[in-house]
Amino acid sequence: KSKANISDTQTATFEHNDMSVVWQHRTWGRPADDKYPWGATIYGDKGTLKLGVHTYDFTPFRRGASIHGDAVYENDKYPEDEHEKKLEQHVAAAIRGHWRNFLACTEDRGKPVADIEQGYISSTSCILANIAMKVGRTLTWDPVKGRIANDDAANKLLRRPYRKPWIHPEPDTV
Protein backbone atom coordinates (compact mmCIF):
# COMPACT_ATOMS: atom_id res chain seq x y z
CA LYS A 1 0.00 0.00 0.00
CA SER A 2 1.40 3.39 -0.98
CA LYS A 3 1.94 6.15 1.56
CA ALA A 4 2.18 8.77 -1.19
CA ASN A 5 0.17 11.91 -0.53
CA ILE A 6 0.77 13.65 -3.86
CA SER A 7 -0.33 12.99 -7.40
CA ASP A 8 1.85 10.88 -9.66
CA THR A 9 1.65 13.64 -12.29
CA GLN A 10 2.05 17.33 -11.54
CA THR A 11 2.93 20.55 -13.33
CA ALA A 12 3.63 23.68 -11.30
CA THR A 13 4.63 27.15 -12.45
CA PHE A 14 6.72 29.34 -10.15
CA GLU A 15 6.69 33.04 -11.02
CA HIS A 16 9.75 34.88 -9.74
CA ASN A 17 10.53 38.56 -10.25
CA ASP A 18 12.09 38.18 -13.70
CA MET A 19 11.83 34.46 -14.35
CA SER A 20 9.22 31.73 -14.67
CA VAL A 21 10.05 28.14 -13.74
CA VAL A 22 7.86 25.24 -14.87
CA TRP A 23 8.20 22.04 -12.87
CA GLN A 24 6.81 18.81 -14.23
CA HIS A 25 6.71 15.66 -12.13
CA ARG A 26 5.71 12.34 -13.67
CA THR A 27 5.91 8.90 -12.19
CA TRP A 28 4.35 7.14 -15.19
CA GLY A 29 4.68 7.34 -18.95
CA ARG A 30 7.57 7.82 -21.32
CA PRO A 31 10.16 10.49 -20.57
CA ALA A 32 10.21 13.58 -22.79
CA ASP A 33 13.81 12.67 -23.68
CA ASP A 34 14.93 9.04 -23.46
CA LYS A 35 18.53 10.15 -22.77
CA TYR A 36 17.29 11.96 -19.63
CA PRO A 37 14.60 9.75 -18.09
CA TRP A 38 15.26 11.25 -14.66
CA GLY A 39 16.42 14.81 -15.07
CA ALA A 40 15.72 18.44 -15.76
CA THR A 41 15.82 20.77 -18.73
CA ILE A 42 16.66 24.43 -18.20
CA TYR A 43 15.88 26.82 -21.04
CA GLY A 44 17.91 29.99 -20.61
CA ASP A 45 18.65 33.05 -22.68
CA LYS A 46 22.04 31.64 -23.75
CA GLY A 47 21.03 28.05 -24.45
CA THR A 48 19.50 24.84 -23.14
CA LEU A 49 20.95 22.72 -20.34
CA LYS A 50 19.75 19.13 -20.00
CA LEU A 51 20.69 17.44 -16.74
CA GLY A 52 20.43 13.84 -15.67
CA VAL A 53 21.80 11.85 -12.78
CA HIS A 54 24.61 10.50 -14.97
CA THR A 55 25.17 13.14 -17.64
CA TYR A 56 24.52 16.69 -18.86
CA ASP A 57 24.48 18.54 -22.18
CA PHE A 58 24.50 22.29 -22.84
CA THR A 59 23.49 23.50 -26.28
CA PRO A 60 24.10 27.21 -26.92
CA PHE A 61 21.56 29.20 -28.93
CA ARG A 62 23.88 31.08 -31.24
CA ARG A 63 27.63 30.76 -30.78
CA GLY A 64 29.93 28.24 -29.28
CA ALA A 65 30.22 24.52 -29.15
CA SER A 66 27.91 22.25 -27.25
CA ILE A 67 29.24 20.97 -23.93
CA HIS A 68 28.80 17.42 -22.65
CA GLY A 69 29.76 15.94 -19.31
CA ASP A 70 29.33 12.69 -17.45
CA ALA A 71 29.26 11.80 -13.78
CA VAL A 72 32.74 11.56 -12.28
CA TYR A 73 33.66 8.18 -10.86
CA GLU A 74 36.66 8.08 -8.53
CA ASN A 75 36.97 4.35 -7.96
CA ASP A 76 40.71 4.53 -8.60
CA LYS A 77 41.14 7.07 -5.76
CA TYR A 78 38.38 5.65 -3.53
CA PRO A 79 38.05 1.90 -4.24
CA GLU A 80 35.75 1.56 -1.23
CA ASP A 81 33.03 3.26 -3.32
CA GLU A 82 32.55 0.01 -5.25
CA HIS A 83 31.68 -1.92 -2.08
CA GLU A 84 29.67 0.66 -0.15
CA LYS A 85 26.17 -0.82 -0.07
CA LYS A 86 23.95 2.26 -0.23
CA LEU A 87 26.29 4.62 -2.06
CA GLU A 88 25.11 5.83 -5.45
CA GLN A 89 28.50 5.92 -7.15
CA HIS A 90 27.51 8.56 -9.71
CA VAL A 91 27.14 11.15 -6.92
CA ALA A 92 30.02 10.10 -4.66
CA ALA A 93 32.49 12.61 -6.15
CA ALA A 94 29.96 15.44 -5.84
CA ILE A 95 29.23 14.50 -2.22
CA ARG A 96 32.95 14.59 -1.43
CA GLY A 97 33.22 17.96 -3.15
CA HIS A 98 30.37 19.34 -1.04
CA TRP A 99 31.97 18.01 2.13
CA ARG A 100 35.33 19.57 1.23
CA ASN A 101 33.62 22.89 0.52
CA PHE A 102 31.64 22.72 3.77
CA LEU A 103 34.76 21.97 5.83
CA ALA A 104 36.68 24.79 4.11
CA CYS A 105 33.82 27.16 4.94
CA THR A 106 34.00 26.17 8.61
CA GLU A 107 37.61 27.35 8.50
CA ASP A 108 37.15 30.60 6.57
CA ARG A 109 33.55 31.28 7.69
CA GLY A 110 32.44 31.38 4.05
CA LYS A 111 29.09 30.37 2.62
CA PRO A 112 28.94 26.82 1.20
CA VAL A 113 28.08 26.32 -2.46
CA ALA A 114 24.99 24.38 -1.33
CA ASP A 115 23.98 26.14 1.86
CA ILE A 116 20.94 25.54 4.05
CA GLU A 117 19.10 28.52 2.55
CA GLN A 118 19.12 26.87 -0.88
CA GLY A 119 17.79 23.67 0.65
CA TYR A 120 15.03 25.64 2.38
CA ILE A 121 14.03 27.40 -0.85
CA SER A 122 14.01 24.14 -2.84
CA SER A 123 11.97 22.30 -0.21
CA THR A 124 9.55 25.20 0.18
CA SER A 125 8.92 25.26 -3.57
CA CYS A 126 7.97 21.56 -3.61
CA ILE A 127 5.75 21.92 -0.55
CA LEU A 128 3.99 24.97 -2.03
CA ALA A 129 3.34 23.16 -5.32
CA ASN A 130 1.74 20.27 -3.42
CA ILE A 131 -0.38 22.60 -1.27
CA ALA A 132 -1.51 24.60 -4.34
CA MET A 133 -2.60 21.36 -5.99
CA LYS A 134 -4.45 20.28 -2.85
CA VAL A 135 -6.33 23.57 -2.37
CA GLY A 136 -6.80 24.06 -6.11
CA ARG A 137 -5.54 27.62 -6.40
CA THR A 138 -2.50 29.78 -7.01
CA LEU A 139 -0.51 30.66 -3.90
CA THR A 140 1.70 33.65 -3.17
CA TRP A 141 4.65 33.01 -0.87
CA ASP A 142 5.87 35.68 1.52
CA PRO A 143 9.56 34.80 2.01
CA VAL A 144 10.01 37.35 4.79
CA LYS A 145 7.19 35.94 6.94
CA GLY A 146 7.70 32.36 5.78
CA ARG A 147 3.97 32.07 5.10
CA ILE A 148 1.49 31.95 2.25
CA ALA A 149 0.12 35.45 1.78
CA ASN A 150 -3.55 35.99 2.66
CA ASP A 151 -4.49 32.31 2.84
CA ASP A 152 -5.09 30.90 6.32
CA ALA A 153 -6.44 27.59 4.97
CA ALA A 154 -3.30 26.95 2.89
CA ASN A 155 -1.03 28.05 5.76
CA LYS A 156 -2.57 25.37 7.99
CA LEU A 157 -1.21 22.78 5.55
CA LEU A 158 2.39 23.95 6.03
CA ARG A 159 2.79 21.63 8.99
CA ARG A 160 1.31 18.48 10.44
CA PRO A 161 0.57 17.90 14.11
CA TYR A 162 3.34 16.19 16.06
CA ARG A 163 2.74 12.94 17.92
CA LYS A 164 2.02 13.40 21.59
CA PRO A 165 3.81 14.37 23.81
CA TRP A 166 5.87 16.32 21.23
CA ILE A 167 4.90 19.85 20.25
CA HIS A 168 5.88 21.92 17.26
CA PRO A 169 8.48 24.56 18.18
CA GLU A 170 7.27 28.12 17.65
CA PRO A 171 9.66 30.88 16.58
CA ASP A 172 8.99 32.91 19.72
CA THR A 173 9.81 29.96 22.01
CA VAL A 174 12.96 28.62 20.34
C-alpha atoms as a PDB file:
ATOM      1  CA  LYS A   1       0.000   0.000   0.000  1.00  0.00           C
ATOM      2  CA  SER A   2       1.397   3.385  -0.985  1.00  0.00           C
ATOM      3  CA  LYS A   3       1.935   6.152   1.562  1.00  0.00           C
ATOM      4  CA  ALA A   4       2.183   8.775  -1.187  1.00  0.00           C
ATOM      5  CA  ASN A   5       0.168  11.908  -0.529  1.00  0.00           C
ATOM      6  CA  ILE A   6       0.769  13.654  -3.862  1.00  0.00           C
ATOM      7  CA  SER A   7      -0.328  12.992  -7.401  1.00  0.00           C
ATOM      8  CA  ASP A   8       1.854  10.881  -9.664  1.00  0.00           C
ATOM      9  CA  THR A   9       1.654  13.640 -12.292  1.00  0.00           C
ATOM     10  CA  GLN A  10       2.054  17.334 -11.538  1.00  0.00           C
ATOM     11  CA  THR A  11       2.932  20.553 -13.327  1.00  0.00           C
ATOM     12  CA  ALA A  12       3.632  23.684 -11.296  1.00  0.00           C
ATOM     13  CA  THR A  13       4.634  27.153 -12.454  1.00  0.00           C
ATOM     14  CA  PHE A  14       6.720  29.343 -10.151  1.00  0.00           C
ATOM     15  CA  GLU A  15       6.694  33.035 -11.015  1.00  0.00           C
ATOM     16  CA  HIS A  16       9.752  34.877  -9.740  1.00  0.00           C
ATOM     17  CA  ASN A  17      10.526  38.556 -10.253  1.00  0.00           C
ATOM     18  CA  ASP A  18      12.090  38.182 -13.697  1.00  0.00           C
ATOM     19  CA  MET A  19      11.831  34.460 -14.353  1.00  0.00           C
ATOM     20  CA  SER A  20       9.219  31.732 -14.667  1.00  0.00           C
ATOM     21  CA  VAL A  21      10.046  28.141 -13.737  1.00  0.00           C
ATOM     22  CA  VAL A  22       7.858  25.245 -14.866  1.00  0.00           C
ATOM     23  CA  TRP A  23       8.196  22.039 -12.867  1.00  0.00           C
ATOM     24  CA  GLN A  24       6.811  18.806 -14.230  1.00  0.00           C
ATOM     25  CA  HIS A  25       6.713  15.660 -12.132  1.00  0.00           C
ATOM     26  CA  ARG A  26       5.710  12.338 -13.667  1.00  0.00           C
ATOM     27  CA  THR A  27       5.906   8.897 -12.195  1.00  0.00           C
ATOM     28  CA  TRP A  28       4.349   7.142 -15.187  1.00  0.00           C
ATOM     29  CA  GLY A  29       4.684   7.338 -18.952  1.00  0.00           C
ATOM     30  CA  ARG A  30       7.571   7.818 -21.316  1.00  0.00           C
ATOM     31  CA  PRO A  31      10.156  10.493 -20.570  1.00  0.00           C
ATOM     32  CA  ALA A  32      10.206  13.583 -22.787  1.00  0.00           C
ATOM     33  CA  ASP A  33      13.809  12.671 -23.680  1.00  0.00           C
ATOM     34  CA  ASP A  34      14.934   9.043 -23.459  1.00  0.00           C
ATOM     35  CA  LYS A  35      18.527  10.153 -22.770  1.00  0.00           C
ATOM     36  CA  TYR A  36      17.287  11.960 -19.634  1.00  0.00           C
ATOM     37  CA  PRO A  37      14.604   9.753 -18.087  1.00  0.00           C
ATOM     38  CA  TRP A  38      15.262  11.254 -14.664  1.00  0.00           C
ATOM     39  CA  GLY A  39      16.420  14.810 -15.066  1.00  0.00           C
ATOM     40  CA  ALA A  40      15.720  18.440 -15.760  1.00  0.00           C
ATOM     41  CA  THR A  41      15.823  20.773 -18.729  1.00  0.00           C
ATOM     42  CA  ILE A  42      16.656  24.428 -18.199  1.00  0.00           C
ATOM     43  CA  TYR A  43      15.877  26.816 -21.044  1.00  0.00           C
ATOM     44  CA  GLY A  44      17.912  29.987 -20.613  1.00  0.00           C
ATOM     45  CA  ASP A  45      18.646  33.052 -22.682  1.00  0.00           C
ATOM     46  CA  LYS A  46      22.044  31.639 -23.755  1.00  0.00           C
ATOM     47  CA  GLY A  47      21.032  28.051 -24.453  1.00  0.00           C
ATOM     48  CA  THR A  48      19.498  24.844 -23.137  1.00  0.00           C
ATOM     49  CA  LEU A  49      20.954  22.722 -20.342  1.00  0.00           C
ATOM     50  CA  LYS A  50      19.748  19.131 -20.001  1.00  0.00           C
ATOM     51  CA  LEU A  51      20.686  17.443 -16.738  1.00  0.00           C
ATOM     52  CA  GLY A  52      20.431  13.842 -15.674  1.00  0.00           C
ATOM     53  CA  VAL A  53      21.803  11.849 -12.785  1.00  0.00           C
ATOM     54  CA  HIS A  54      24.611  10.495 -14.970  1.00  0.00           C
ATOM     55  CA  THR A  55      25.168  13.140 -17.642  1.00  0.00           C
ATOM     56  CA  TYR A  56      24.522  16.685 -18.865  1.00  0.00           C
ATOM     57  CA  ASP A  57      24.481  18.542 -22.176  1.00  0.00           C
ATOM     58  CA  PHE A  58      24.503  22.291 -22.835  1.00  0.00           C
ATOM     59  CA  THR A  59      23.489  23.502 -26.282  1.00  0.00           C
ATOM     60  CA  PRO A  60      24.100  27.212 -26.916  1.00  0.00           C
ATOM     61  CA  PHE A  61      21.563  29.204 -28.927  1.00  0.00           C
ATOM     62  CA  ARG A  62      23.879  31.084 -31.237  1.00  0.00           C
ATOM     63  CA  ARG A  63      27.626  30.758 -30.777  1.00  0.00           C
ATOM     64  CA  GLY A  64      29.934  28.244 -29.282  1.00  0.00           C
ATOM     65  CA  ALA A  65      30.220  24.522 -29.155  1.00  0.00           C
ATOM     66  CA  SER A  66      27.907  22.247 -27.247  1.00  0.00           C
ATOM     67  CA  ILE A  67      29.245  20.973 -23.930  1.00  0.00           C
ATOM     68  CA  HIS A  68      28.804  17.416 -22.651  1.00  0.00           C
ATOM     69  CA  GLY A  69      29.760  15.941 -19.313  1.00  0.00           C
ATOM     70  CA  ASP A  70      29.325  12.693 -17.448  1.00  0.00           C
ATOM     71  CA  ALA A  71      29.256  11.799 -13.782  1.00  0.00           C
ATOM     72  CA  VAL A  72      32.739  11.556 -12.275  1.00  0.00           C
ATOM     73  CA  TYR A  73      33.656   8.175 -10.857  1.00  0.00           C
ATOM     74  CA  GLU A  74      36.661   8.078  -8.530  1.00  0.00           C
ATOM     75  CA  ASN A  75      36.972   4.345  -7.962  1.00  0.00           C
ATOM     76  CA  ASP A  76      40.713   4.534  -8.598  1.00  0.00           C
ATOM     77  CA  LYS A  77      41.144   7.065  -5.758  1.00  0.00           C
ATOM     78  CA  TYR A  78      38.380   5.646  -3.527  1.00  0.00           C
ATOM     79  CA  PRO A  79      38.052   1.903  -4.245  1.00  0.00           C
ATOM     80  CA  GLU A  80      35.745   1.560  -1.233  1.00  0.00           C
ATOM     81  CA  ASP A  81      33.025   3.263  -3.321  1.00  0.00           C
ATOM     82  CA  GLU A  82      32.554   0.014  -5.247  1.00  0.00           C
ATOM     83  CA  HIS A  83      31.680  -1.923  -2.082  1.00  0.00           C
ATOM     84  CA  GLU A  84      29.674   0.664  -0.148  1.00  0.00           C
ATOM     85  CA  LYS A  85      26.173  -0.823  -0.073  1.00  0.00           C
ATOM     86  CA  LYS A  86      23.950   2.256  -0.228  1.00  0.00           C
ATOM     87  CA  LEU A  87      26.288   4.618  -2.063  1.00  0.00           C
ATOM     88  CA  GLU A  88      25.107   5.832  -5.448  1.00  0.00           C
ATOM     89  CA  GLN A  89      28.498   5.925  -7.154  1.00  0.00           C
ATOM     90  CA  HIS A  90      27.508   8.563  -9.712  1.00  0.00           C
ATOM     91  CA  VAL A  91      27.136  11.147  -6.924  1.00  0.00           C
ATOM     92  CA  ALA A  92      30.021  10.097  -4.663  1.00  0.00           C
ATOM     93  CA  ALA A  93      32.493  12.612  -6.149  1.00  0.00           C
ATOM     94  CA  ALA A  94      29.963  15.445  -5.838  1.00  0.00           C
ATOM     95  CA  ILE A  95      29.230  14.499  -2.225  1.00  0.00           C
ATOM     96  CA  ARG A  96      32.946  14.588  -1.431  1.00  0.00           C
ATOM     97  CA  GLY A  97      33.224  17.964  -3.149  1.00  0.00           C
ATOM     98  CA  HIS A  98      30.367  19.344  -1.045  1.00  0.00           C
ATOM     99  CA  TRP A  99      31.966  18.014   2.135  1.00  0.00           C
ATOM    100  CA  ARG A 100      35.328  19.570   1.231  1.00  0.00           C
ATOM    101  CA  ASN A 101      33.621  22.886   0.516  1.00  0.00           C
ATOM    102  CA  PHE A 102      31.642  22.723   3.775  1.00  0.00           C
ATOM    103  CA  LEU A 103      34.761  21.969   5.832  1.00  0.00           C
ATOM    104  CA  ALA A 104      36.684  24.787   4.106  1.00  0.00           C
ATOM    105  CA  CYS A 105      33.816  27.157   4.943  1.00  0.00           C
ATOM    106  CA  THR A 106      33.997  26.171   8.607  1.00  0.00           C
ATOM    107  CA  GLU A 107      37.611  27.349   8.501  1.00  0.00           C
ATOM    108  CA  ASP A 108      37.150  30.604   6.571  1.00  0.00           C
ATOM    109  CA  ARG A 109      33.545  31.284   7.687  1.00  0.00           C
ATOM    110  CA  GLY A 110      32.441  31.381   4.045  1.00  0.00           C
ATOM    111  CA  LYS A 111      29.087  30.374   2.617  1.00  0.00           C
ATOM    112  CA  PRO A 112      28.943  26.821   1.202  1.00  0.00           C
ATOM    113  CA  VAL A 113      28.077  26.318  -2.462  1.00  0.00           C
ATOM    114  CA  ALA A 114      24.995  24.376  -1.327  1.00  0.00           C
ATOM    115  CA  ASP A 115      23.979  26.143   1.860  1.00  0.00           C
ATOM    116  CA  ILE A 116      20.935  25.540   4.049  1.00  0.00           C
ATOM    117  CA  GLU A 117      19.096  28.524   2.551  1.00  0.00           C
ATOM    118  CA  GLN A 118      19.115  26.871  -0.885  1.00  0.00           C
ATOM    119  CA  GLY A 119      17.788  23.666   0.646  1.00  0.00           C
ATOM    120  CA  TYR A 120      15.035  25.641   2.376  1.00  0.00           C
ATOM    121  CA  ILE A 121      14.027  27.399  -0.846  1.00  0.00           C
ATOM    122  CA  SER A 122      14.005  24.139  -2.845  1.00  0.00           C
ATOM    123  CA  SER A 123      11.971  22.301  -0.209  1.00  0.00           C
ATOM    124  CA  THR A 124       9.554  25.201   0.178  1.00  0.00           C
ATOM    125  CA  SER A 125       8.921  25.257  -3.573  1.00  0.00           C
ATOM    126  CA  CYS A 126       7.970  21.565  -3.609  1.00  0.00           C
ATOM    127  CA  ILE A 127       5.752  21.925  -0.553  1.00  0.00           C
ATOM    128  CA  LEU A 128       3.987  24.971  -2.028  1.00  0.00           C
ATOM    129  CA  ALA A 129       3.336  23.156  -5.316  1.00  0.00           C
ATOM    130  CA  ASN A 130       1.744  20.269  -3.419  1.00  0.00           C
ATOM    131  CA  ILE A 131      -0.379  22.599  -1.269  1.00  0.00           C
ATOM    132  CA  ALA A 132      -1.511  24.598  -4.338  1.00  0.00           C
ATOM    133  CA  MET A 133      -2.605  21.362  -5.991  1.00  0.00           C
ATOM    134  CA  LYS A 134      -4.448  20.276  -2.851  1.00  0.00           C
ATOM    135  CA  VAL A 135      -6.329  23.571  -2.368  1.00  0.00           C
ATOM    136  CA  GLY A 136      -6.805  24.065  -6.106  1.00  0.00           C
ATOM    137  CA  ARG A 137      -5.543  27.624  -6.398  1.00  0.00           C
ATOM    138  CA  THR A 138      -2.499  29.783  -7.008  1.00  0.00           C
ATOM    139  CA  LEU A 139      -0.508  30.660  -3.899  1.00  0.00           C
ATOM    140  CA  THR A 140       1.701  33.648  -3.166  1.00  0.00           C
ATOM    141  CA  TRP A 141       4.654  33.009  -0.871  1.00  0.00           C
ATOM    142  CA  ASP A 142       5.870  35.684   1.519  1.00  0.00           C
ATOM    143  CA  PRO A 143       9.555  34.803   2.015  1.00  0.00           C
ATOM    144  CA  VAL A 144      10.008  37.354   4.793  1.00  0.00           C
ATOM    145  CA  LYS A 145       7.191  35.942   6.939  1.00  0.00           C
ATOM    146  CA  GLY A 146       7.696  32.356   5.785  1.00  0.00           C
ATOM    147  CA  ARG A 147       3.970  32.067   5.103  1.00  0.00           C
ATOM    148  CA  ILE A 148       1.494  31.948   2.253  1.00  0.00           C
ATOM    149  CA  ALA A 149       0.116  35.452   1.783  1.00  0.00           C
ATOM    150  CA  ASN A 150      -3.548  35.991   2.665  1.00  0.00           C
ATOM    151  CA  ASP A 151      -4.489  32.311   2.838  1.00  0.00           C
ATOM    152  CA  ASP A 152      -5.087  30.897   6.318  1.00  0.00           C
ATOM    153  CA  ALA A 153      -6.441  27.593   4.974  1.00  0.00           C
ATOM    154  CA  ALA A 154      -3.303  26.947   2.891  1.00  0.00           C
ATOM    155  CA  ASN A 155      -1.031  28.053   5.764  1.00  0.00           C
ATOM    156  CA  LYS A 156      -2.571  25.365   7.986  1.00  0.00           C
ATOM    157  CA  LEU A 157      -1.206  22.782   5.546  1.00  0.00           C
ATOM    158  CA  LEU A 158       2.391  23.953   6.028  1.00  0.00           C
ATOM    159  CA  ARG A 159       2.785  21.626   8.986  1.00  0.00           C
ATOM    160  CA  ARG A 160       1.315  18.479  10.437  1.00  0.00           C
ATOM    161  CA  PRO A 161       0.572  17.903  14.108  1.00  0.00           C
ATOM    162  CA  TYR A 162       3.338  16.194  16.065  1.00  0.00           C
ATOM    163  CA  ARG A 163       2.738  12.937  17.918  1.00  0.00           C
ATOM    164  CA  LYS A 164       2.017  13.399  21.589  1.00  0.00           C
ATOM    165  CA  PRO A 165       3.806  14.370  23.808  1.00  0.00           C
ATOM    166  CA  TRP A 166       5.868  16.321  21.231  1.00  0.00           C
ATOM    167  CA  ILE A 167       4.902  19.845  20.252  1.00  0.00           C
ATOM    168  CA  HIS A 168       5.880  21.919  17.258  1.00  0.00           C
ATOM    169  CA  PRO A 169       8.483  24.561  18.178  1.00  0.00           C
ATOM    170  CA  GLU A 170       7.269  28.116  17.650  1.00  0.00           C
ATOM    171  CA  PRO A 171       9.664  30.885  16.580  1.00  0.00           C
ATOM    172  CA  ASP A 172       8.994  32.906  19.716  1.00  0.00           C
ATOM    173  CA  THR A 173       9.806  29.957  22.009  1.00  0.00           C
ATOM    174  CA  VAL A 174      12.957  28.620  20.341  1.00  0.00           C
END
